[in-house]
Amino acid sequence: LSGCLITKEGCSSLASALSSNPSHLRELDLSYNHPGDSGVKLLSAGLEDLQWRLETLRYEEAAATDHQSVEDLETFSLSHCQPG
């Protein structure tokens, strides 16, 4: 979903879909989108949900307005985990 102009509303829909419909999605690229603070916080909170089976969440050069929100998302990134 890189460069798809996803906003906070899109992040809300994405978080809802990932929570209500467990998928086999392992990687999600949200680079070059505009989620804003609330979108980043939604995704950060959702990554604690075990139904989300993401191993990698890419988030580069997106237009978040609050640096702390970006740090929150990076804290919950699962790209460093080794499955198995």
PDB file of N, CA and C in Angstrom:
ATOM      1  N   LEU A   1       0.815  -1.198   0.000  1.00  0.00           N
ATOM      2  CA  LEU A   1       0.000   0.000   0.000  1.00  0.00           C
ATOM      3  C   LEU A   1       0.856   1.258   0.000  1.00  0.00           C
ATOM      4  N   SER A   2       2.107   1.113  -0.366  1.00  0.00           N
ATOM      5  CA  SER A   2       3.017   2.249  -0.413  1.00  0.00           C
ATOM      6  C   SER A   2       2.528   3.284  -1.420  1.00  0.00           C
ATOM      7  N   GLY A   3       2.520   4.537  -0.995  1.00  0.00           N
ATOM      8  CA  GLY A   3       2.165   5.629  -1.884  1.00  0.00           C
ATOM      9  C   GLY A   3       0.700   5.688  -2.271  1.00  0.00           C
ATOM     10  N   CYS A   4      -0.182   5.129  -1.478  1.00  0.00           N
ATOM     11  CA  CYS A   4      -1.614   5.105  -1.810  1.00  0.00           C
ATOM     12  C   CYS A   4      -2.397   6.242  -1.172  1.00  0.00           C
ATOM     13  N   LEU A   5      -1.702   7.201  -0.588  1.00  0.00           N
ATOM     14  CA  LEU A   5      -2.337   8.358   0.051  1.00  0.00           C
ATOM     15  C   LEU A   5      -3.296   7.959   1.175  1.00  0.00           C
ATOM     16  N   ILE A   6      -2.911   6.945   1.931  1.00  0.00           N
ATOM     17  CA  ILE A   6      -3.734   6.486   3.053  1.00  0.00           C
ATOM     18  C   ILE A   6      -3.688   7.525   4.161  1.00  0.00           C
ATOM     19  N   THR A   7      -4.857   7.902   4.639  1.00  0.00           N
ATOM     20  CA  THR A   7      -4.991   8.901   5.698  1.00  0.00           C
ATOM     21  C   THR A   7      -5.380   8.209   7.003  1.00  0.00           C
ATOM     22  N   LYS A   8      -5.675   9.013   8.021  1.00  0.00           N
ATOM     23  CA  LYS A   8      -6.085   8.427   9.304  1.00  0.00           C
ATOM     24  C   LYS A   8      -7.358   7.604   9.149  1.00  0.00           C
ATOM     25  N   GLU A   9      -8.264   8.026   8.265  1.00  0.00           N
ATOM     26  CA  GLU A   9      -9.484   7.261   8.029  1.00  0.00           C
ATOM     27  C   GLU A   9      -9.155   5.901   7.418  1.00  0.00           C
ATOM     28  N   GLY A  10      -8.216   5.890   6.506  1.00  0.00           N
ATOM     29  CA  GLY A  10      -7.784   4.629   5.903  1.00  0.00           C
ATOM     30  C   GLY A  10      -7.113   3.717   6.913  1.00  0.00           C
ATOM     31  N   CYS A  11      -6.338   4.309   7.820  1.00  0.00           N
ATOM     32  CA  CYS A  11      -5.696   3.521   8.872  1.00  0.00           C
ATOM     33  C   CYS A  11      -6.741   2.913   9.792  1.00  0.00           C
ATOM     34  N   SER A  12      -7.794   3.659  10.062  1.00  0.00           N
ATOM     35  CA  SER A  12      -8.880   3.150  10.895  1.00  0.00           C
ATOM     36  C   SER A  12      -9.542   1.946  10.228  1.00  0.00           C
ATOM     37  N   SER A  13      -9.808   2.047   8.943  1.00  0.00           N
ATOM     38  CA  SER A  13     -10.410   0.936   8.202  1.00  0.00           C
ATOM     39  C   SER A  13      -9.469  -0.259   8.149  1.00  0.00           C
ATOM     40  N   LEU A  14      -8.196   0.008   7.940  1.00  0.00           N
ATOM     41  CA  LEU A  14      -7.201  -1.054   7.887  1.00  0.00           C
ATOM     42  C   LEU A  14      -7.096  -1.767   9.232  1.00  0.00           C
ATOM     43  N   ALA A  15      -7.042  -1.003  10.316  1.00  0.00           N
ATOM     44  CA  ALA A  15      -6.964  -1.585  11.660  1.00  0.00           C
ATOM     45  C   ALA A  15      -8.197  -2.432  11.947  1.00  0.00           C
ATOM     46  N   SER A  16      -9.356  -1.941  11.571  1.00  0.00           N
ATOM     47  CA  SER A  16     -10.597  -2.683  11.780  1.00  0.00           C
ATOM     48  C   SER A  16     -10.590  -3.993  10.993  1.00  0.00           C
ATOM     49  N   ALA A  17     -10.156  -3.940   9.756  1.00  0.00           N
ATOM     50  CA  ALA A  17     -10.112  -5.140   8.919  1.00  0.00           C
ATOM     51  C   ALA A  17      -9.129  -6.164   9.467  1.00  0.00           C
ATOM     52  N   LEU A  18      -7.970  -5.713   9.911  1.00  0.00           N
ATOM     53  CA  LEU A  18      -6.968  -6.633  10.445  1.00  0.00           C
ATOM     54  C   LEU A  18      -7.420  -7.256  11.758  1.00  0.00           C
ATOM     55  N   SER A  19      -8.206  -6.526  12.529  1.00  0.00           N
ATOM     56  CA  SER A  19      -8.690  -7.042  13.812  1.00  0.00           C
ATOM     57  C   SER A  19      -9.849  -8.014  13.646  1.00  0.00           C
ATOM     58  N   SER A  20     -10.739  -7.725  12.719  1.00  0.00           N
ATOM     59  CA  SER A  20     -11.953  -8.531  12.592  1.00  0.00           C
ATOM     60  C   SER A  20     -11.806  -9.715  11.652  1.00  0.00           C
ATOM     61  N   ASN A  21     -10.785  -9.718  10.826  1.00  0.00           N
ATOM     62  CA  ASN A  21     -10.602 -10.783   9.854  1.00  0.00           C
ATOM     63  C   ASN A  21      -9.142 -11.219   9.858  1.00  0.00           C
ATOM     64  N   PRO A  22      -8.779 -12.123  10.772  1.00  0.00           N
ATOM     65  CA  PRO A  22      -7.382 -12.554  10.826  1.00  0.00           C
ATOM     66  C   PRO A  22      -6.920 -13.036   9.452  1.00  0.00           C
ATOM     67  N   SER A  23      -5.769 -12.573   9.037  1.00  0.00           N
ATOM     68  CA  SER A  23      -5.293 -12.913   7.702  1.00  0.00           C
ATOM     69  C   SER A  23      -3.909 -13.531   7.776  1.00  0.00           C
ATOM     70  N   HIS A  24      -3.441 -13.915   6.632  1.00  0.00           N
ATOM     71  CA  HIS A  24      -2.098 -14.463   6.520  1.00  0.00           C
ATOM     72  C   HIS A  24      -1.112 -13.385   6.093  1.00  0.00           C
ATOM     73  N   LEU A  25      -1.544 -12.145   6.166  1.00  0.00           N
ATOM     74  CA  LEU A  25      -0.703 -11.016   5.793  1.00  0.00           C
ATOM     75  C   LEU A  25       0.501 -10.959   6.722  1.00  0.00           C
ATOM     76  N   ARG A  26       1.698 -11.020   6.166  1.00  0.00           N
ATOM     77  CA  ARG A  26       2.924 -11.004   6.957  1.00  0.00           C
ATOM     78  C   ARG A  26       3.680  -9.686   6.833  1.00  0.00           C
ATOM     79  N   GLU A  27       3.457  -8.981   5.740  1.00  0.00           N
ATOM     80  CA  GLU A  27       4.187  -7.733   5.503  1.00  0.00           C
ATOM     81  C   GLU A  27       3.218  -6.676   5.000  1.00  0.00           C
ATOM     82  N   LEU A  28       3.370  -5.474   5.542  1.00  0.00           N
ATOM     83  CA  LEU A  28       2.530  -4.353   5.136  1.00  0.00           C
ATOM     84  C   LEU A  28       3.420  -3.135   4.967  1.00  0.00           C
ATOM     85  N   ASP A  29       3.399  -2.544   3.793  1.00  0.00           N
ATOM     86  CA  ASP A  29       4.215  -1.370   3.498  1.00  0.00           C
ATOM     87  C   ASP A  29       3.313  -0.146   3.412  1.00  0.00           C
ATOM     88  N   LEU A  30       3.420   0.721   4.403  1.00  0.00           N
ATOM     89  CA  LEU A  30       2.638   1.957   4.440  1.00  0.00           C
ATOM     90  C   LEU A  30       3.505   3.183   4.173  1.00  0.00           C
ATOM     91  N   SER A  31       4.627   2.981   3.524  1.00  0.00           N
ATOM     92  CA  SER A  31       5.524   4.090   3.208  1.00  0.00           C
ATOM     93  C   SER A  31       4.829   5.107   2.312  1.00  0.00           C
ATOM     94  N   TYR A  32       5.212   6.349   2.469  1.00  0.00           N
ATOM     95  CA  TYR A  32       4.738   7.442   1.620  1.00  0.00           C
ATOM     96  C   TYR A  32       3.222   7.624   1.671  1.00  0.00           C
ATOM     97  N   ASN A  33       2.666   7.523   2.858  1.00  0.00           N
ATOM     98  CA  ASN A  33       1.251   7.779   3.093  1.00  0.00           C
ATOM     99  C   ASN A  33       1.126   8.922   4.088  1.00  0.00           C
ATOM    100  N   HIS A  34      -0.085   9.283   4.435  1.00  0.00           N
ATOM    101  CA  HIS A  34      -0.338  10.426   5.316  1.00  0.00           C
ATOM    102  C   HIS A  34      -1.297  10.038   6.443  1.00  0.00           C
ATOM    103  N   PRO A  35      -0.841   9.155   7.348  1.00  0.00           N
ATOM    104  CA  PRO A  35      -1.748   8.654   8.381  1.00  0.00           C
ATOM    105  C   PRO A  35      -2.030   9.635   9.507  1.00  0.00           C
ATOM    106  N   GLY A  36      -1.195  10.637   9.685  1.00  0.00           N
ATOM    107  CA  GLY A  36      -1.374  11.561  10.799  1.00  0.00           C
ATOM    108  C   GLY A  36      -1.151  10.854  12.122  1.00  0.00           C
ATOM    109  N   ASP A  37      -1.206  11.613  13.197  1.00  0.00           N
ATOM    110  CA  ASP A  37      -0.953  11.064  14.525  1.00  0.00           C
ATOM    111  C   ASP A  37      -1.941   9.966  14.895  1.00  0.00           C
ATOM    112  N   SER A  38      -3.222  10.211  14.650  1.00  0.00           N
ATOM    113  CA  SER A  38      -4.236   9.244  15.079  1.00  0.00           C
ATOM    114  C   SER A  38      -4.139   7.937  14.293  1.00  0.00           C
ATOM    115  N   GLY A  39      -3.793   8.007  13.020  1.00  0.00           N
ATOM    116  CA  GLY A  39      -3.626   6.790  12.229  1.00  0.00           C
ATOM    117  C   GLY A  39      -2.456   5.956  12.709  1.00  0.00           C
ATOM    118  N   VAL A  40      -1.362   6.633  13.034  1.00  0.00           N
ATOM    119  CA  VAL A  40      -0.182   5.937  13.547  1.00  0.00           C
ATOM    120  C   VAL A  40      -0.506   5.282  14.886  1.00  0.00           C
ATOM    121  N   LYS A  41      -1.220   5.997  15.736  1.00  0.00           N
ATOM    122  CA  LYS A  41      -1.571   5.449  17.051  1.00  0.00           C
ATOM    123  C   LYS A  41      -2.497   4.240  16.923  1.00  0.00           C
ATOM    124  N   LEU A  42      -3.429   4.279  15.987  1.00  0.00           N
ATOM    125  CA  LEU A  42      -4.312   3.131  15.757  1.00  0.00           C
ATOM    126  C   LEU A  42      -3.514   1.893  15.360  1.00  0.00           C
ATOM    127  N   LEU A  43      -2.594   2.072  14.440  1.00  0.00           N
ATOM    128  CA  LEU A  43      -1.795   0.938  13.989  1.00  0.00           C
ATOM    129  C   LEU A  43      -0.846   0.460  15.080  1.00  0.00           C
ATOM    130  N   SER A  44      -0.303   1.385  15.854  1.00  0.00           N
ATOM    131  CA  SER A  44       0.578   1.010  16.961  1.00  0.00           C
ATOM    132  C   SER A  44      -0.172   0.154  17.971  1.00  0.00           C
ATOM    133  N   ALA A  45      -1.364   0.589  18.334  1.00  0.00           N
ATOM    134  CA  ALA A  45      -2.173  -0.157  19.299  1.00  0.00           C
ATOM    135  C   ALA A  45      -2.574  -1.518  18.731  1.00  0.00           C
ATOM    136  N   GLY A  46      -2.899  -1.553  17.466  1.00  0.00           N
ATOM    137  CA  GLY A  46      -3.331  -2.799  16.839  1.00  0.00           C
ATOM    138  C   GLY A  46      -2.251  -3.847  16.753  1.00  0.00           C
ATOM    139  N   LEU A  47      -1.010  -3.430  16.682  1.00  0.00           N
ATOM    140  CA  LEU A  47       0.071  -4.400  16.581  1.00  0.00           C
ATOM    141  C   LEU A  47       0.222  -5.237  17.842  1.00  0.00           C
ATOM    142  N   GLU A  48      -0.410  -4.822  18.921  1.00  0.00           N
ATOM    143  CA  GLU A  48      -0.392  -5.630  20.139  1.00  0.00           C
ATOM    144  C   GLU A  48      -1.411  -6.769  20.061  1.00  0.00           C
ATOM    145  N   ASP A  49      -2.308  -6.718  19.085  1.00  0.00           N
ATOM    146  CA  ASP A  49      -3.340  -7.735  18.896  1.00  0.00           C
ATOM    147  C   ASP A  49      -2.708  -8.970  18.245  1.00  0.00           C
ATOM    148  N   LEU A  50      -2.803 -10.104  18.913  1.00  0.00           N
ATOM    149  CA  LEU A  50      -2.176 -11.322  18.399  1.00  0.00           C
ATOM    150  C   LEU A  50      -2.815 -11.830  17.114  1.00  0.00           C
ATOM    151  N   GLN A  51      -4.029 -11.371  16.793  1.00  0.00           N
ATOM    152  CA  GLN A  51      -4.658 -11.776  15.535  1.00  0.00           C
ATOM    153  C   GLN A  51      -3.961 -11.143  14.336  1.00  0.00           C
ATOM    154  N   TRP A  52      -3.277 -10.042  14.576  1.00  0.00           N
ATOM    155  CA  TRP A  52      -2.494  -9.425  13.503  1.00  0.00           C
ATOM    156  C   TRP A  52      -1.229 -10.258  13.389  1.00  0.00           C
ATOM    157  N   ARG A  53      -1.023 -10.891  12.298  1.00  0.00           N
ATOM    158  CA  ARG A  53       0.120 -11.793  12.146  1.00  0.00           C
ATOM    159  C   ARG A  53       1.269 -11.138  11.392  1.00  0.00           C
ATOM    160  N   LEU A  54       1.304  -9.829  11.425  1.00  0.00           N
ATOM    161  CA  LEU A  54       2.354  -9.108  10.705  1.00  0.00           C
ATOM    162  C   LEU A  54       3.726  -9.403  11.279  1.00  0.00           C
ATOM    163  N   GLU A  55       4.682  -9.610  10.410  1.00  0.00           N
ATOM    164  CA  GLU A  55       6.075  -9.747  10.802  1.00  0.00           C
ATOM    165  C   GLU A  55       6.844  -8.476  10.459  1.00  0.00           C
ATOM    166  N   THR A  56       6.403  -7.784   9.414  1.00  0.00           N
ATOM    167  CA  THR A  56       7.081  -6.566   8.975  1.00  0.00           C
ATOM    168  C   THR A  56       6.049  -5.493   8.657  1.00  0.00           C
ATOM    169  N   LEU A  57       6.248  -4.341   9.259  1.00  0.00           N
ATOM    170  CA  LEU A  57       5.427  -3.174   8.950  1.00  0.00           C
ATOM    171  C   LEU A  57       6.370  -2.064   8.533  1.00  0.00           C
ATOM    172  N   ARG A  58       6.346  -1.727   7.257  1.00  0.00           N
ATOM    173  CA  ARG A  58       7.216  -0.670   6.754  1.00  0.00           C
ATOM    174  C   ARG A  58       6.485   0.666   6.848  1.00  0.00           C
ATOM    175  N   TYR A  59       7.245   1.668   7.255  1.00  0.00           N
ATOM    176  CA  TYR A  59       6.668   3.004   7.449  1.00  0.00           C
ATOM    177  C   TYR A  59       7.792   4.010   7.244  1.00  0.00           C
ATOM    178  N   GLU A  60       7.973   4.445   6.021  1.00  0.00           N
ATOM    179  CA  GLU A  60       9.064   5.358   5.703  1.00  0.00           C
ATOM    180  C   GLU A  60       8.529   6.641   5.075  1.00  0.00           C
ATOM    181  N   GLU A  61       9.087   7.750   5.508  1.00  0.00           N
ATOM    182  CA  GLU A  61       8.788   9.064   4.940  1.00  0.00           C
ATOM    183  C   GLU A  61       7.303   9.371   4.873  1.00  0.00           C
ATOM    184  N   ALA A  62       6.555   8.859   5.822  1.00  0.00           N
ATOM    185  CA  ALA A  62       5.136   9.190   5.884  1.00  0.00           C
ATOM    186  C   ALA A  62       4.986  10.498   6.641  1.00  0.00           C
ATOM    187  N   ALA A  63       3.905  11.169   6.412  1.00  0.00           N
ATOM    188  CA  ALA A  63       3.718  12.502   6.975  1.00  0.00           C
ATOM    189  C   ALA A  63       3.000  12.457   8.319  1.00  0.00           C
ATOM    190  N   ALA A  64       3.670  11.946   9.325  1.00  0.00           N
ATOM    191  CA  ALA A  64       3.132  12.031  10.687  1.00  0.00           C
ATOM    192  C   ALA A  64       3.541  13.387  11.234  1.00  0.00           C
ATOM    193  N   THR A  65       2.683  13.986  12.024  1.00  0.00           N
ATOM    194  CA  THR A  65       2.993  15.318  12.530  1.00  0.00           C
ATOM    195  C   THR A  65       3.587  15.286  13.920  1.00  0.00           C
ATOM    196  N   ASP A  66       3.510  14.161  14.580  1.00  0.00           N
ATOM    197  CA  ASP A  66       4.005  14.043  15.942  1.00  0.00           C
ATOM    198  C   ASP A  66       5.118  13.009  15.959  1.00  0.00           C
ATOM    199  N   HIS A  67       6.349  13.453  16.227  1.00  0.00           N
ATOM    200  CA  HIS A  67       7.501  12.560  16.203  1.00  0.00           C
ATOM    201  C   HIS A  67       7.313  11.397  17.166  1.00  0.00           C
ATOM    202  N   GLN A  68       6.667  11.628  18.302  1.00  0.00           N
ATOM    203  CA  GLN A  68       6.448  10.555  19.267  1.00  0.00           C
ATOM    204  C   GLN A  68       5.596   9.442  18.669  1.00  0.00           C
ATOM    205  N   SER A  69       4.633   9.776  17.854  1.00  0.00           N
ATOM    206  CA  SER A  69       3.795   8.752  17.231  1.00  0.00           C
ATOM    207  C   SER A  69       4.621   7.836  16.345  1.00  0.00           C
ATOM    208  N   VAL A  70       5.562   8.398  15.605  1.00  0.00           N
ATOM    209  CA  VAL A  70       6.435   7.593  14.761  1.00  0.00           C
ATOM    210  C   VAL A  70       7.274   6.672  15.632  1.00  0.00           C
ATOM    211  N   GLU A  71       7.799   7.194  16.744  1.00  0.00           N
ATOM    212  CA  GLU A  71       8.575   6.351  17.645  1.00  0.00           C
ATOM    213  C   GLU A  71       7.718   5.229  18.204  1.00  0.00           C
ATOM    214  N   ASP A  72       6.452   5.513  18.521  1.00  0.00           N
ATOM    215  CA  ASP A  72       5.550   4.483  19.022  1.00  0.00           C
ATOM    216  C   ASP A  72       5.399   3.367  18.001  1.00  0.00           C
ATOM    217  N   LEU A  73       5.208   3.722  16.743  1.00  0.00           N
ATOM    218  CA  LEU A  73       5.028   2.718  15.706  1.00  0.00           C
ATOM    219  C   LEU A  73       6.287   1.886  15.549  1.00  0.00           C
ATOM    220  N   GLU A  74       7.444   2.516  15.565  1.00  0.00           N
ATOM    221  CA  GLU A  74       8.687   1.782  15.431  1.00  0.00           C
ATOM    222  C   GLU A  74       8.889   0.836  16.608  1.00  0.00           C
ATOM    223  N   THR A  75       8.425   1.223  17.767  1.00  0.00           N
ATOM    224  CA  THR A  75       8.539   0.372  18.941  1.00  0.00           C
ATOM    225  C   THR A  75       7.777  -0.929  18.743  1.00  0.00           C
ATOM    226  N   PHE A  76       6.657  -0.878  18.048  1.00  0.00           N
ATOM    227  CA  PHE A  76       5.827  -2.055  17.859  1.00  0.00           C
ATOM    228  C   PHE A  76       6.091  -2.766  16.537  1.00  0.00           C
ATOM    229  N   SER A  77       7.058  -2.298  15.780  1.00  0.00           N
ATOM    230  CA  SER A  77       7.386  -2.968  14.532  1.00  0.00           C
ATOM    231  C   SER A  77       7.850  -4.385  14.835  1.00  0.00           C
ATOM    232  N   LEU A  78       7.383  -5.350  14.074  1.00  0.00           N
ATOM    233  CA  LEU A  78       7.739  -6.742  14.305  1.00  0.00           C
ATOM    234  C   LEU A  78       8.810  -7.232  13.340  1.00  0.00           C
ATOM    235  N   SER A  79       9.421  -6.341  12.596  1.00  0.00           N
ATOM    236  CA  SER A  79      10.375  -6.758  11.574  1.00  0.00           C
ATOM    237  C   SER A  79      11.625  -7.391  12.168  1.00  0.00           C
ATOM    238  N   HIS A  80      11.883  -7.145  13.443  1.00  0.00           N
ATOM    239  CA  HIS A  80      13.072  -7.707  14.074  1.00  0.00           C
ATOM    240  C   HIS A  80      12.846  -9.119  14.605  1.00  0.00           C
ATOM    241  N   CYS A  81      11.615  -9.594  14.597  1.00  0.00           N
ATOM    242  CA  CYS A  81      11.288 -10.908  15.155  1.00  0.00           C
ATOM    243  C   CYS A  81      11.662 -12.015  14.176  1.00  0.00           C
ATOM    244  N   GLN A  82      12.102 -13.112  14.730  1.00  0.00           N
ATOM    245  CA  GLN A  82      12.410 -14.290  13.930  1.00  0.00           C
ATOM    246  C   GLN A  82      11.306 -15.316  14.160  1.00  0.00           C
ATOM    247  N   PRO A  83      10.442 -15.552  13.171  1.00  0.00           N
ATOM    248  CA  PRO A  83       9.363 -16.519  13.372  1.00  0.00           C
ATOM    249  C   PRO A  83       9.916 -17.925  13.589  1.00  0.00           C
ATOM    250  N   GLY A  84       9.169 -18.709  14.316  1.00  0.00           N
ATOM    251  CA  GLY A  84       9.572 -20.091  14.482  1.00  0.00           C
ATOM    252  C   GLY A  84       9.638 -20.438  15.878  1.00  0.00           C
TER     253      GLY A  84
END
